[in-house]
Amino acid sequence: MKGGDVAICSECETIAQHTRGAPGHAGLISLGPVRSLRAVSRKATHEAFVCVVCDTGWDYLDDKRDPSAGWTRC
């Protein structure tokens, strides 16, 4: 879209952000692990995703020590 407008699909709108263990949806495709020193040092996993429906980028951080871990929209 032009002018910075971003359309997000209804499935992406339902993803609970910053909630570790919350489900994504079937239209998310993994782009692979994100390598970060912070995640490795905390024994956490960090993975990037993209929605095939609306092209929205997502990060998923699985870190039991971080209260804001979970899905984050990019």
PDB file of N, CA and C in Angstrom:
ATOM      1  N   MET A   1       0.828  -1.182   0.000  1.00  0.00           N
ATOM      2  CA  MET A   1       0.000   0.000   0.000  1.00  0.00           C
ATOM      3  C   MET A   1       0.873   1.246   0.000  1.00  0.00           C
ATOM      4  N   LYS A   2       0.309   2.345  -0.446  1.00  0.00           N
ATOM      5  CA  LYS A   2       1.066   3.596  -0.513  1.00  0.00           C
ATOM      6  C   LYS A   2       0.823   4.455   0.713  1.00  0.00           C
ATOM      7  N   GLY A   3       1.750   5.344   0.954  1.00  0.00           N
ATOM      8  CA  GLY A   3       1.595   6.317   2.024  1.00  0.00           C
ATOM      9  C   GLY A   3       1.748   5.743   3.423  1.00  0.00           C
ATOM     10  N   GLY A   4       2.377   4.567   3.532  1.00  0.00           N
ATOM     11  CA  GLY A   4       2.613   3.999   4.843  1.00  0.00           C
ATOM     12  C   GLY A   4       1.438   3.212   5.404  1.00  0.00           C
ATOM     13  N   ASP A   5       0.313   3.150   4.652  1.00  0.00           N
ATOM     14  CA  ASP A   5      -0.821   2.369   5.117  1.00  0.00           C
ATOM     15  C   ASP A   5      -0.488   0.891   5.005  1.00  0.00           C
ATOM     16  N   VAL A   6      -0.743   0.176   6.067  1.00  0.00           N
ATOM     17  CA  VAL A   6      -0.452  -1.244   6.079  1.00  0.00           C
ATOM     18  C   VAL A   6      -1.737  -1.986   6.398  1.00  0.00           C
ATOM     19  N   ALA A   7      -2.148  -2.850   5.488  1.00  0.00           N
ATOM     20  CA  ALA A   7      -3.332  -3.659   5.720  1.00  0.00           C
ATOM     21  C   ALA A   7      -2.891  -4.959   6.380  1.00  0.00           C
ATOM     22  N   ILE A   8      -3.551  -5.305   7.451  1.00  0.00           N
ATOM     23  CA  ILE A   8      -3.234  -6.530   8.170  1.00  0.00           C
ATOM     24  C   ILE A   8      -4.468  -7.435   8.094  1.00  0.00           C
ATOM     25  N   CYS A   9      -4.249  -8.702   7.856  1.00  0.00           N
ATOM     26  CA  CYS A   9      -5.372  -9.627   7.717  1.00  0.00           C
ATOM     27  C   CYS A   9      -6.023  -9.886   9.075  1.00  0.00           C
ATOM     28  N   SER A  10      -7.234 -10.397   9.031  1.00  0.00           N
ATOM     29  CA  SER A  10      -7.976 -10.641  10.270  1.00  0.00           C
ATOM     30  C   SER A  10      -7.305 -11.695  11.141  1.00  0.00           C
ATOM     31  N   GLU A  11      -6.613 -12.652  10.535  1.00  0.00           N
ATOM     32  CA  GLU A  11      -5.922 -13.669  11.332  1.00  0.00           C
ATOM     33  C   GLU A  11      -4.745 -13.064  12.097  1.00  0.00           C
ATOM     34  N   CYS A  12      -3.992 -12.168  11.448  1.00  0.00           N
ATOM     35  CA  CYS A  12      -2.883 -11.509  12.143  1.00  0.00           C
ATOM     36  C   CYS A  12      -3.392 -10.598  13.248  1.00  0.00           C
ATOM     37  N   GLU A  13      -4.556  -9.980  13.047  1.00  0.00           N
ATOM     38  CA  GLU A  13      -5.115  -9.104  14.076  1.00  0.00           C
ATOM     39  C   GLU A  13      -5.425  -9.860  15.365  1.00  0.00           C
ATOM     40  N   THR A  14      -5.667 -11.166  15.265  1.00  0.00           N
ATOM     41  CA  THR A  14      -6.041 -11.936  16.457  1.00  0.00           C
ATOM     42  C   THR A  14      -4.844 -12.475  17.239  1.00  0.00           C
ATOM     43  N   ILE A  15      -3.630 -12.319  16.714  1.00  0.00           N
ATOM     44  CA  ILE A  15      -2.450 -12.823  17.423  1.00  0.00           C
ATOM     45  C   ILE A  15      -2.219 -11.992  18.688  1.00  0.00           C
ATOM     46  N   ALA A  16      -2.127 -12.688  19.807  1.00  0.00           N
ATOM     47  CA  ALA A  16      -1.864 -12.020  21.097  1.00  0.00           C
ATOM     48  C   ALA A  16      -0.376 -11.697  21.163  1.00  0.00           C
ATOM     49  N   GLN A  17      -0.052 -10.409  21.136  1.00  0.00           N
ATOM     50  CA  GLN A  17       1.340  -9.994  21.188  1.00  0.00           C
ATOM     51  C   GLN A  17       1.851  -9.994  22.627  1.00  0.00           C
ATOM     52  N   HIS A  18       3.156 -10.232  22.757  1.00  0.00           N
ATOM     53  CA  HIS A  18       3.852 -10.200  24.046  1.00  0.00           C
ATOM     54  C   HIS A  18       3.256 -11.189  25.047  1.00  0.00           C
ATOM     55  N   THR A  19       2.820 -12.340  24.534  1.00  0.00           N
ATOM     56  CA  THR A  19       2.284 -13.403  25.380  1.00  0.00           C
ATOM     57  C   THR A  19       2.959 -14.699  24.981  1.00  0.00           C
ATOM     58  N   ARG A  20       3.943 -15.097  25.761  1.00  0.00           N
ATOM     59  CA  ARG A  20       4.704 -16.306  25.454  1.00  0.00           C
ATOM     60  C   ARG A  20       3.778 -17.507  25.391  1.00  0.00           C
ATOM     61  N   GLY A  21       3.900 -18.304  24.329  1.00  0.00           N
ATOM     62  CA  GLY A  21       3.079 -19.489  24.151  1.00  0.00           C
ATOM     63  C   GLY A  21       1.805 -19.251  23.366  1.00  0.00           C
ATOM     64  N   ALA A  22       1.491 -17.987  23.077  1.00  0.00           N
ATOM     65  CA  ALA A  22       0.287 -17.692  22.295  1.00  0.00           C
ATOM     66  C   ALA A  22       0.473 -18.218  20.872  1.00  0.00           C
ATOM     67  N   PRO A  23      -0.585 -18.749  20.281  1.00  0.00           N
ATOM     68  CA  PRO A  23      -0.459 -19.290  18.930  1.00  0.00           C
ATOM     69  C   PRO A  23      -0.379 -18.187  17.872  1.00  0.00           C
ATOM     70  N   GLY A  24       0.243 -18.525  16.764  1.00  0.00           N
ATOM     71  CA  GLY A  24       0.233 -17.651  15.589  1.00  0.00           C
ATOM     72  C   GLY A  24      -0.990 -18.016  14.770  1.00  0.00           C
ATOM     73  N   HIS A  25      -0.805 -18.248  13.469  1.00  0.00           N
ATOM     74  CA  HIS A  25      -1.882 -18.775  12.642  1.00  0.00           C
ATOM     75  C   HIS A  25      -1.284 -19.529  11.464  1.00  0.00           C
ATOM     76  N   ALA A  26      -2.109 -20.281  10.767  1.00  0.00           N
ATOM     77  CA  ALA A  26      -1.648 -21.194   9.713  1.00  0.00           C
ATOM     78  C   ALA A  26      -0.975 -20.482   8.540  1.00  0.00           C
ATOM     79  N   GLY A  27      -1.252 -19.207   8.344  1.00  0.00           N
ATOM     80  CA  GLY A  27      -0.675 -18.470   7.224  1.00  0.00           C
ATOM     81  C   GLY A  27       0.703 -17.889   7.490  1.00  0.00           C
ATOM     82  N   LEU A  28       1.269 -18.148   8.657  1.00  0.00           N
ATOM     83  CA  LEU A  28       2.612 -17.647   8.970  1.00  0.00           C
ATOM     84  C   LEU A  28       3.659 -18.647   8.505  1.00  0.00           C
ATOM     85  N   ILE A  29       4.647 -18.144   7.800  1.00  0.00           N
ATOM     86  CA  ILE A  29       5.741 -18.973   7.308  1.00  0.00           C
ATOM     87  C   ILE A  29       7.019 -18.539   8.007  1.00  0.00           C
ATOM     88  N   SER A  30       7.739 -19.520   8.513  1.00  0.00           N
ATOM     89  CA  SER A  30       8.992 -19.236   9.211  1.00  0.00           C
ATOM     90  C   SER A  30      10.072 -18.815   8.223  1.00  0.00           C
ATOM     91  N   LEU A  31      10.757 -17.742   8.556  1.00  0.00           N
ATOM     92  CA  LEU A  31      11.913 -17.297   7.779  1.00  0.00           C
ATOM     93  C   LEU A  31      13.203 -17.801   8.416  1.00  0.00           C
ATOM     94  N   GLY A  32      13.057 -18.488   9.547  1.00  0.00           N
ATOM     95  CA  GLY A  32      14.210 -19.075  10.212  1.00  0.00           C
ATOM     96  C   GLY A  32      14.558 -18.377  11.503  1.00  0.00           C
ATOM     97  N   PRO A  33      15.518 -18.952  12.187  1.00  0.00           N
ATOM     98  CA  PRO A  33      15.938 -18.378  13.472  1.00  0.00           C
ATOM     99  C   PRO A  33      16.668 -17.051  13.281  1.00  0.00           C
ATOM    100  N   VAL A  34      16.480 -16.180  14.249  1.00  0.00           N
ATOM    101  CA  VAL A  34      17.200 -14.909  14.295  1.00  0.00           C
ATOM    102  C   VAL A  34      18.357 -15.122  15.258  1.00  0.00           C
ATOM    103  N   ARG A  35      19.543 -14.894  14.773  1.00  0.00           N
ATOM    104  CA  ARG A  35      20.721 -15.094  15.622  1.00  0.00           C
ATOM    105  C   ARG A  35      21.017 -13.806  16.375  1.00  0.00           C
ATOM    106  N   SER A  36      20.887 -13.879  17.678  1.00  0.00           N
ATOM    107  CA  SER A  36      21.205 -12.707  18.491  1.00  0.00           C
ATOM    108  C   SER A  36      21.930 -13.169  19.746  1.00  0.00           C
ATOM    109  N   LEU A  37      22.909 -12.406  20.138  1.00  0.00           N
ATOM    110  CA  LEU A  37      23.686 -12.719  21.325  1.00  0.00           C
ATOM    111  C   LEU A  37      22.800 -12.730  22.560  1.00  0.00           C
ATOM    112  N   ARG A  38      21.866 -11.808  22.621  1.00  0.00           N
ATOM    113  CA  ARG A  38      20.959 -11.722  23.776  1.00  0.00           C
ATOM    114  C   ARG A  38      20.166 -13.018  23.932  1.00  0.00           C
ATOM    115  N   ALA A  39      19.591 -13.516  22.839  1.00  0.00           N
ATOM    116  CA  ALA A  39      18.797 -14.744  22.911  1.00  0.00           C
ATOM    117  C   ALA A  39      19.665 -15.938  23.299  1.00  0.00           C
ATOM    118  N   VAL A  40      20.828 -16.046  22.693  1.00  0.00           N
ATOM    119  CA  VAL A  40      21.716 -17.173  22.980  1.00  0.00           C
ATOM    120  C   VAL A  40      22.160 -17.143  24.433  1.00  0.00           C
ATOM    121  N   SER A  41      22.542 -15.981  24.925  1.00  0.00           N
ATOM    122  CA  SER A  41      23.026 -15.885  26.302  1.00  0.00           C
ATOM    123  C   SER A  41      21.933 -16.194  27.319  1.00  0.00           C
ATOM    124  N   ARG A  42      20.689 -15.999  26.949  1.00  0.00           N
ATOM    125  CA  ARG A  42      19.573 -16.279  27.854  1.00  0.00           C
ATOM    126  C   ARG A  42      18.954 -17.660  27.599  1.00  0.00           C
ATOM    127  N   LYS A  43      19.534 -18.413  26.657  1.00  0.00           N
ATOM    128  CA  LYS A  43      19.011 -19.733  26.268  1.00  0.00           C
ATOM    129  C   LYS A  43      17.573 -19.629  25.770  1.00  0.00           C
ATOM    130  N   ALA A  44      17.327 -18.587  24.990  1.00  0.00           N
ATOM    131  CA  ALA A  44      16.018 -18.340  24.401  1.00  0.00           C
ATOM    132  C   ALA A  44      16.091 -18.611  22.896  1.00  0.00           C
ATOM    133  N   THR A  45      14.938 -18.729  22.272  1.00  0.00           N
ATOM    134  CA  THR A  45      14.903 -18.846  20.818  1.00  0.00           C
ATOM    135  C   THR A  45      14.163 -17.647  20.247  1.00  0.00           C
ATOM    136  N   HIS A  46      14.604 -17.216  19.087  1.00  0.00           N
ATOM    137  CA  HIS A  46      14.042 -16.051  18.405  1.00  0.00           C
ATOM    138  C   HIS A  46      13.880 -16.440  16.945  1.00  0.00           C
ATOM    139  N   GLU A  47      12.663 -16.327  16.416  1.00  0.00           N
ATOM    140  CA  GLU A  47      12.389 -16.753  15.046  1.00  0.00           C
ATOM    141  C   GLU A  47      11.579 -15.683  14.325  1.00  0.00           C
ATOM    142  N   ALA A  48      11.869 -15.492  13.030  1.00  0.00           N
ATOM    143  CA  ALA A  48      11.157 -14.522  12.204  1.00  0.00           C
ATOM    144  C   ALA A  48      10.123 -15.243  11.347  1.00  0.00           C
ATOM    145  N   PHE A  49       8.989 -14.589  11.139  1.00  0.00           N
ATOM    146  CA  PHE A  49       7.894 -15.127  10.340  1.00  0.00           C
ATOM    147  C   PHE A  49       7.345 -14.043   9.425  1.00  0.00           C
ATOM    148  N   VAL A  50       6.642 -14.472   8.370  1.00  0.00           N
ATOM    149  CA  VAL A  50       5.909 -13.553   7.511  1.00  0.00           C
ATOM    150  C   VAL A  50       4.559 -14.186   7.201  1.00  0.00           C
ATOM    151  N   CYS A  51       3.539 -13.362   7.108  1.00  0.00           N
ATOM    152  CA  CYS A  51       2.195 -13.834   6.785  1.00  0.00           C
ATOM    153  C   CYS A  51       2.044 -13.898   5.268  1.00  0.00           C
ATOM    154  N   VAL A  52       1.587 -15.047   4.761  1.00  0.00           N
ATOM    155  CA  VAL A  52       1.419 -15.194   3.310  1.00  0.00           C
ATOM    156  C   VAL A  52       0.190 -14.456   2.808  1.00  0.00           C
ATOM    157  N   VAL A  53      -0.719 -14.093   3.688  1.00  0.00           N
ATOM    158  CA  VAL A  53      -1.947 -13.406   3.298  1.00  0.00           C
ATOM    159  C   VAL A  53      -1.720 -11.898   3.158  1.00  0.00           C
ATOM    160  N   CYS A  54      -1.120 -11.285   4.200  1.00  0.00           N
ATOM    161  CA  CYS A  54      -1.002  -9.818   4.210  1.00  0.00           C
ATOM    162  C   CYS A  54       0.440  -9.319   4.213  1.00  0.00           C
ATOM    163  N   ASP A  55       1.410 -10.230   4.195  1.00  0.00           N
ATOM    164  CA  ASP A  55       2.833  -9.881   4.142  1.00  0.00           C
ATOM    165  C   ASP A  55       3.329  -9.157   5.392  1.00  0.00           C
ATOM    166  N   THR A  56       2.630  -9.334   6.503  1.00  0.00           N
ATOM    167  CA  THR A  56       3.060  -8.739   7.767  1.00  0.00           C
ATOM    168  C   THR A  56       4.213  -9.551   8.339  1.00  0.00           C
ATOM    169  N   GLY A  57       5.236  -8.870   8.816  1.00  0.00           N
ATOM    170  CA  GLY A  57       6.372  -9.530   9.437  1.00  0.00           C
ATOM    171  C   GLY A  57       6.147  -9.688  10.930  1.00  0.00           C
ATOM    172  N   TRP A  58       6.576 -10.819  11.458  1.00  0.00           N
ATOM    173  CA  TRP A  58       6.438 -11.120  12.874  1.00  0.00           C
ATOM    174  C   TRP A  58       7.735 -11.698  13.413  1.00  0.00           C
ATOM    175  N   ASP A  59       8.011 -11.441  14.682  1.00  0.00           N
ATOM    176  CA  ASP A  59       9.090 -12.089  15.420  1.00  0.00           C
ATOM    177  C   ASP A  59       8.441 -12.862  16.555  1.00  0.00           C
ATOM    178  N   TYR A  60       9.000 -14.043  16.845  1.00  0.00           N
ATOM    179  CA  TYR A  60       8.546 -14.787  18.015  1.00  0.00           C
ATOM    180  C   TYR A  60       9.750 -15.063  18.896  1.00  0.00           C
ATOM    181  N   LEU A  61       9.700 -14.566  20.125  1.00  0.00           N
ATOM    182  CA  LEU A  61      10.755 -14.769  21.100  1.00  0.00           C
ATOM    183  C   LEU A  61      10.229 -15.703  22.182  1.00  0.00           C
ATOM    184  N   ASP A  62      10.890 -16.837  22.340  1.00  0.00           N
ATOM    185  CA  ASP A  62      10.521 -17.788  23.382  1.00  0.00           C
ATOM    186  C   ASP A  62      11.582 -17.703  24.475  1.00  0.00           C
ATOM    187  N   ASP A  63      11.291 -16.905  25.483  1.00  0.00           N
ATOM    188  CA  ASP A  63      12.224 -16.657  26.584  1.00  0.00           C
ATOM    189  C   ASP A  63      11.426 -16.624  27.884  1.00  0.00           C
ATOM    190  N   LYS A  64      11.563 -17.671  28.685  1.00  0.00           N
ATOM    191  CA  LYS A  64      10.780 -17.753  29.913  1.00  0.00           C
ATOM    192  C   LYS A  64      11.166 -16.700  30.947  1.00  0.00           C
ATOM    193  N   ARG A  65      12.297 -16.044  30.760  1.00  0.00           N
ATOM    194  CA  ARG A  65      12.724 -14.990  31.697  1.00  0.00           C
ATOM    195  C   ARG A  65      12.226 -13.602  31.309  1.00  0.00           C
ATOM    196  N   ASP A  66      11.693 -13.459  30.094  1.00  0.00           N
ATOM    197  CA  ASP A  66      11.279 -12.146  29.590  1.00  0.00           C
ATOM    198  C   ASP A  66       9.756 -12.048  29.606  1.00  0.00           C
ATOM    199  N   PRO A  67       9.197 -11.173  30.441  1.00  0.00           N
ATOM    200  CA  PRO A  67       7.740 -11.062  30.518  1.00  0.00           C
ATOM    201  C   PRO A  67       7.091 -10.516  29.230  1.00  0.00           C
ATOM    202  N   SER A  68       7.874  -9.910  28.358  1.00  0.00           N
ATOM    203  CA  SER A  68       7.299  -9.405  27.108  1.00  0.00           C
ATOM    204  C   SER A  68       7.618 -10.319  25.924  1.00  0.00           C
ATOM    205  N   ALA A  69       8.059 -11.551  26.219  1.00  0.00           N
ATOM    206  CA  ALA A  69       8.346 -12.504  25.144  1.00  0.00           C
ATOM    207  C   ALA A  69       7.050 -12.899  24.450  1.00  0.00           C
ATOM    208  N   GLY A  70       7.182 -13.459  23.274  1.00  0.00           N
ATOM    209  CA  GLY A  70       6.033 -13.877  22.485  1.00  0.00           C
ATOM    210  C   GLY A  70       6.080 -13.225  21.126  1.00  0.00           C
ATOM    211  N   TRP A  71       4.922 -13.020  20.534  1.00  0.00           N
ATOM    212  CA  TRP A  71       4.836 -12.429  19.197  1.00  0.00           C
ATOM    213  C   TRP A  71       4.998 -10.925  19.240  1.00  0.00           C
ATOM    214  N   THR A  72       5.748 -10.404  18.277  1.00  0.00           N
ATOM    215  CA  THR A  72       5.909  -8.966  18.094  1.00  0.00           C
ATOM    216  C   THR A  72       5.820  -8.676  16.612  1.00  0.00           C
ATOM    217  N   ARG A  73       4.993  -7.728  16.264  1.00  0.00           N
ATOM    218  CA  ARG A  73       4.847  -7.331  14.870  1.00  0.00           C
ATOM    219  C   ARG A  73       6.030  -6.459  14.454  1.00  0.00           C
ATOM    220  N   CYS A  74       6.587  -6.745  13.283  1.00  0.00           N
ATOM    221  CA  CYS A  74       7.738  -5.982  12.782  1.00  0.00           C
ATOM    222  C   CYS A  74       7.285  -4.785  11.978  1.00  0.00           C
TER     223      CYS A  74
END
